[in-house]
Protein backbone atom coordinates (compact mmCIF):
# COMPACT_ATOMS: atom_id res chain seq x y z
CA MET A 1 13.61 6.12 1.51
CA ILE A 2 10.51 5.36 -0.54
CA PHE A 3 9.78 7.04 -3.88
CA ILE A 4 6.18 7.37 -5.02
CA ASP A 5 4.75 8.63 -8.29
CA LEU A 6 2.28 11.52 -8.35
CA ASP A 7 -0.04 11.35 -11.37
CA ASN A 8 -2.55 8.48 -11.21
CA THR A 9 -0.80 6.95 -8.20
CA LEU A 10 -1.94 9.53 -5.63
CA TYR A 11 -4.87 10.92 -7.61
CA ASN A 12 -6.64 10.20 -10.89
CA GLN A 13 -5.16 12.48 -13.54
CA GLU A 14 -8.31 12.09 -15.61
CA GLN A 15 -9.88 14.97 -13.66
CA ILE A 16 -7.31 17.38 -15.12
CA LEU A 17 -7.37 15.83 -18.59
CA ARG A 18 -11.16 16.09 -18.78
CA TYR A 19 -10.88 19.81 -18.09
CA ALA A 20 -8.03 20.41 -20.55
CA PHE A 21 -9.46 18.21 -23.32
CA GLY A 22 -12.87 19.81 -22.85
CA LYS A 23 -11.38 23.27 -23.33
CA ILE A 24 -9.36 22.14 -26.37
CA SER A 25 -12.47 20.56 -27.87
CA GLU A 26 -14.29 23.88 -27.45
CA GLU A 27 -11.48 25.73 -29.24
CA LEU A 28 -11.47 23.24 -32.12
CA LYS A 29 -15.24 23.50 -32.39
CA LYS A 30 -14.94 27.28 -32.81
CA GLU A 31 -12.01 27.11 -35.22
CA PHE A 32 -12.80 24.06 -37.36
CA ASN A 33 -16.40 23.18 -36.46
CA LEU A 34 -15.30 19.81 -35.08
CA ASN A 35 -17.83 17.91 -33.03
CA LYS A 36 -16.90 18.77 -29.45
CA SER A 37 -17.98 15.48 -27.88
CA LYS A 38 -16.28 13.40 -30.57
CA THR A 39 -12.98 15.28 -30.17
CA PHE A 40 -13.11 14.99 -26.40
CA ARG A 41 -13.78 11.24 -26.44
CA TYR A 42 -11.10 10.66 -29.06
CA LEU A 43 -8.41 12.38 -26.98
CA LEU A 44 -9.39 10.73 -23.71
CA ASN A 45 -9.61 7.24 -25.21
CA LEU A 46 -6.27 7.74 -26.95
CA VAL A 47 -4.54 8.57 -23.67
CA LYS A 48 -6.09 5.61 -21.87
CA LYS A 49 -4.91 3.22 -24.58
CA LYS A 50 -1.48 4.65 -25.34
CA THR A 51 -0.65 6.85 -22.28
CA LEU A 52 0.48 10.47 -22.29
CA ARG A 53 3.87 9.44 -23.64
CA TYR A 54 2.17 8.98 -27.01
CA LYS A 55 2.01 12.03 -29.30
CA ILE A 56 -1.74 12.44 -29.00
CA PHE A 57 -1.92 15.83 -30.68
CA ASP A 58 0.08 14.69 -33.71
CA ASP A 59 -2.46 11.89 -33.97
CA LEU A 60 -5.39 14.30 -33.61
CA VAL A 61 -4.10 16.68 -36.30
CA SER A 62 -3.58 13.78 -38.69
CA LYS A 63 -6.89 12.07 -37.90
CA PHE A 64 -9.02 15.16 -38.55
CA ASN A 65 -6.69 16.84 -41.08
CA LEU A 66 -6.50 20.01 -38.99
CA GLU A 67 -4.76 23.18 -40.09
CA ILE A 68 -3.11 23.69 -36.73
CA SER A 69 0.22 22.41 -35.48
CA SER A 70 0.54 19.85 -32.72
CA GLU A 71 2.89 22.32 -30.98
CA GLU A 72 0.06 24.85 -30.74
CA LEU A 73 -2.21 22.19 -29.26
CA VAL A 74 0.45 21.20 -26.72
CA LYS A 75 0.72 24.86 -25.71
CA LEU A 76 -3.06 25.05 -25.24
CA TYR A 77 -3.01 21.79 -23.30
CA ARG A 78 -0.42 23.14 -20.87
CA GLU A 79 -2.29 26.42 -20.47
CA PHE A 80 -5.51 24.60 -19.59
CA ASN A 81 -3.66 22.32 -17.17
CA LEU A 82 -2.36 25.38 -15.35
CA GLU A 83 -5.81 26.99 -15.43
CA PHE A 84 -7.26 23.94 -13.69
CA LEU A 85 -4.48 23.76 -11.12
CA LYS A 86 -4.75 27.44 -10.16
CA ASN A 87 -8.53 27.46 -9.86
CA LYS A 88 -9.63 23.97 -8.87
CA LYS A 89 -8.71 21.36 -6.28
CA ILE A 90 -7.01 18.08 -7.11
CA GLU A 91 -9.07 15.28 -5.57
CA LEU A 92 -6.65 12.81 -3.99
CA TYR A 93 -7.47 9.15 -3.47
CA LYS A 94 -8.87 8.41 -0.01
CA SER A 95 -5.67 6.84 1.33
CA ALA A 96 -3.28 9.29 -0.34
CA LEU A 97 -2.95 11.64 2.64
CA ASP A 98 -1.88 8.80 4.92
CA VAL A 99 0.82 7.97 2.40
CA LEU A 100 1.98 11.59 2.03
CA ASN A 101 2.31 11.95 5.80
CA ASN A 102 5.02 9.28 5.77
CA ASP A 103 8.29 11.09 6.59
CA ASN A 104 10.26 8.42 4.77
CA LEU A 105 8.66 9.25 1.43
CA THR A 106 9.57 11.44 -1.55
CA VAL A 107 7.28 12.12 -4.50
CA TYR A 108 9.14 11.30 -7.73
CA THR A 109 7.34 12.54 -10.83
CA GLU A 110 7.97 13.37 -14.47
CA GLY A 111 6.67 16.01 -16.85
CA ASN A 112 6.68 19.73 -17.52
CA ARG A 113 8.28 21.31 -14.44
CA GLU A 114 5.89 24.27 -14.21
CA ILE A 115 2.82 22.04 -14.36
CA GLN A 116 4.18 19.44 -11.94
CA GLU A 117 5.15 22.13 -9.43
CA GLU A 118 1.65 23.60 -9.64
CA LYS A 119 0.23 20.16 -8.86
CA ILE A 120 2.46 19.93 -5.80
CA LYS A 121 1.42 23.43 -4.68
CA ASN A 122 -2.25 22.58 -5.24
CA ILE A 123 -2.04 19.51 -3.02
CA MET A 124 0.02 21.20 -0.29
CA LYS A 125 -2.31 24.21 -0.16
CA ASN A 126 -5.60 22.32 -0.24
CA TYR A 127 -4.64 19.48 2.10
CA GLY A 128 -2.23 21.21 4.47
CA VAL A 129 0.49 18.65 3.88
CA ARG A 130 4.21 19.05 3.16
CA PHE A 131 6.48 16.54 1.44
CA ASN A 132 9.72 16.31 -0.52
CA TYR A 133 9.57 15.89 -4.27
CA ILE A 134 11.73 15.39 -7.35
CA ILE A 135 10.64 16.33 -10.88
CA VAL A 136 12.34 14.75 -13.91
CA ARG A 137 11.61 15.21 -17.61
CA ASP A 138 11.52 11.51 -18.48
CA LYS A 139 11.44 8.54 -16.12
CA LEU A 140 13.14 6.36 -18.74
CA ASP A 141 16.25 8.57 -18.75
CA GLU A 142 19.14 6.50 -17.39
CA ASN A 143 20.59 9.62 -15.74
CA ASN A 144 17.79 9.38 -13.17
CA ARG A 145 19.61 6.47 -11.52
CA LYS A 146 21.44 9.06 -9.42
CA TYR A 147 18.28 9.96 -7.49
CA PHE A 148 17.60 6.35 -6.52
CA GLU A 149 21.21 5.86 -5.49
CA GLU A 150 21.57 9.17 -3.63
CA TYR A 151 18.39 8.64 -1.60
CA LYS A 152 19.11 4.92 -1.04
CA VAL A 153 15.63 4.09 -2.26
CA LYS A 154 14.19 0.80 -1.00
CA ALA A 155 10.88 0.87 -2.89
CA TYR A 156 9.25 2.71 -5.75
CA ILE A 157 5.46 2.98 -6.04
CA GLY A 158 3.86 3.86 -9.37
CA ASP A 159 1.03 3.02 -11.74
CA ASP A 160 2.34 3.03 -15.33
CA PRO A 161 3.96 -0.26 -16.44
CA LEU A 162 5.25 1.41 -19.60
CA ALA A 163 7.53 3.85 -17.77
CA ASP A 164 7.57 3.74 -13.98
CA PHE A 165 9.49 0.60 -13.10
CA LEU A 166 12.28 0.09 -15.63
CA ILE A 167 15.10 1.97 -13.85
CA PRO A 168 14.25 0.89 -10.28
CA ASN A 169 13.99 -2.70 -11.52
CA LYS A 170 17.49 -2.44 -12.98
CA LEU A 171 18.74 -1.23 -9.59
CA GLY A 172 17.14 -4.11 -7.70
CA ILE A 173 14.64 -1.84 -5.94
CA ILE A 174 11.24 -3.20 -4.90
CA THR A 175 8.67 -1.92 -7.40
CA VAL A 176 4.99 -1.68 -6.51
CA ARG A 177 2.22 -0.96 -8.99
CA VAL A 178 -1.07 0.56 -7.84
CA LEU A 179 -3.92 -0.41 -10.17
CA ALA A 180 -5.43 3.06 -10.28
CA GLY A 181 -5.90 6.00 -12.58
CA LEU A 182 -5.74 6.27 -16.34
CA TYR A 183 -3.61 3.19 -16.98
CA ARG A 184 -5.21 0.71 -14.59
CA ARG A 185 -6.47 -1.45 -17.46
CA ILE A 186 -3.03 -1.92 -19.04
CA PRO A 187 -2.08 -5.47 -18.00
CA ASN A 188 1.38 -6.22 -16.63
CA GLU A 189 1.54 -9.09 -19.10
CA SER A 190 1.51 -6.64 -22.02
CA VAL A 191 4.95 -5.18 -21.21
CA LYS A 192 8.46 -6.62 -21.35
CA GLU A 193 9.77 -8.40 -18.28
CA GLU A 194 12.14 -5.59 -17.29
CA TYR A 195 9.21 -3.14 -17.15
CA LYS A 196 6.99 -5.26 -14.90
CA PRO A 197 6.46 -4.35 -11.22
CA LYS A 198 7.54 -6.85 -8.59
CA ILE A 199 4.31 -6.33 -6.63
CA THR A 200 0.84 -5.22 -7.77
CA ILE A 201 -1.86 -3.91 -5.43
CA ARG A 202 -5.43 -2.83 -6.16
CA ASN A 203 -5.26 0.54 -4.36
CA LEU A 204 -3.25 2.57 -1.86
CA LYS A 205 -4.92 0.81 1.08
CA GLY A 206 -2.88 -2.25 0.24
CA LEU A 207 0.35 -0.30 0.50
CA ARG A 208 0.51 -0.45 4.30
CA LYS A 209 1.02 -4.23 4.33
CA VAL A 210 3.68 -3.97 1.64
CA LEU A 211 5.64 -1.33 3.57
CA GLN A 212 5.33 -3.24 6.85
CA SER A 213 6.73 -6.35 5.20
CA MET A 214 9.84 -4.37 4.23
CA LYS A 215 10.75 -3.45 7.82
């Protein structure tokens, strides 16, 4: 079995973030007269530098001294994510459908369950594809070992060197990083050895050779 990440590995998550951050920037413009473009750029640049694991809304509230809680902003962020997913189409990478049509593959993704399930539904509905998937709250949770062991995973494909590869590396699983999406500019050299992928490819097109070499 092969596990593959969803966000930024099969599509660029920036398309959803641009929508959500744009909507949040509009709300903050109305409420606090913040410059919409400045707020939008600040949020997007923050995510690209520090990833979505960072508490971006705590940072935003502190930076602009806003009289709104980060919890309220997180709630808005999730609402706008769902709004996008129910009304717009996720644009997959060109080679993503070929990957998803592999019967020996399971999508392994983390995040808010409702939002991640809506992403799965969006892709299945718009591309006419079906695939197995697992949603976990946090990829760094050691309890997630059970999924890799139960499915006898041979390889894990992801994009984020700060979270994706730690547990599969510990289990001796082949880890493959796709240099795509929000975190493509984070160098492997910037993370600890145990977080580094065993193989790095430029895009999903290069995945075929990697998988063939495993047979």
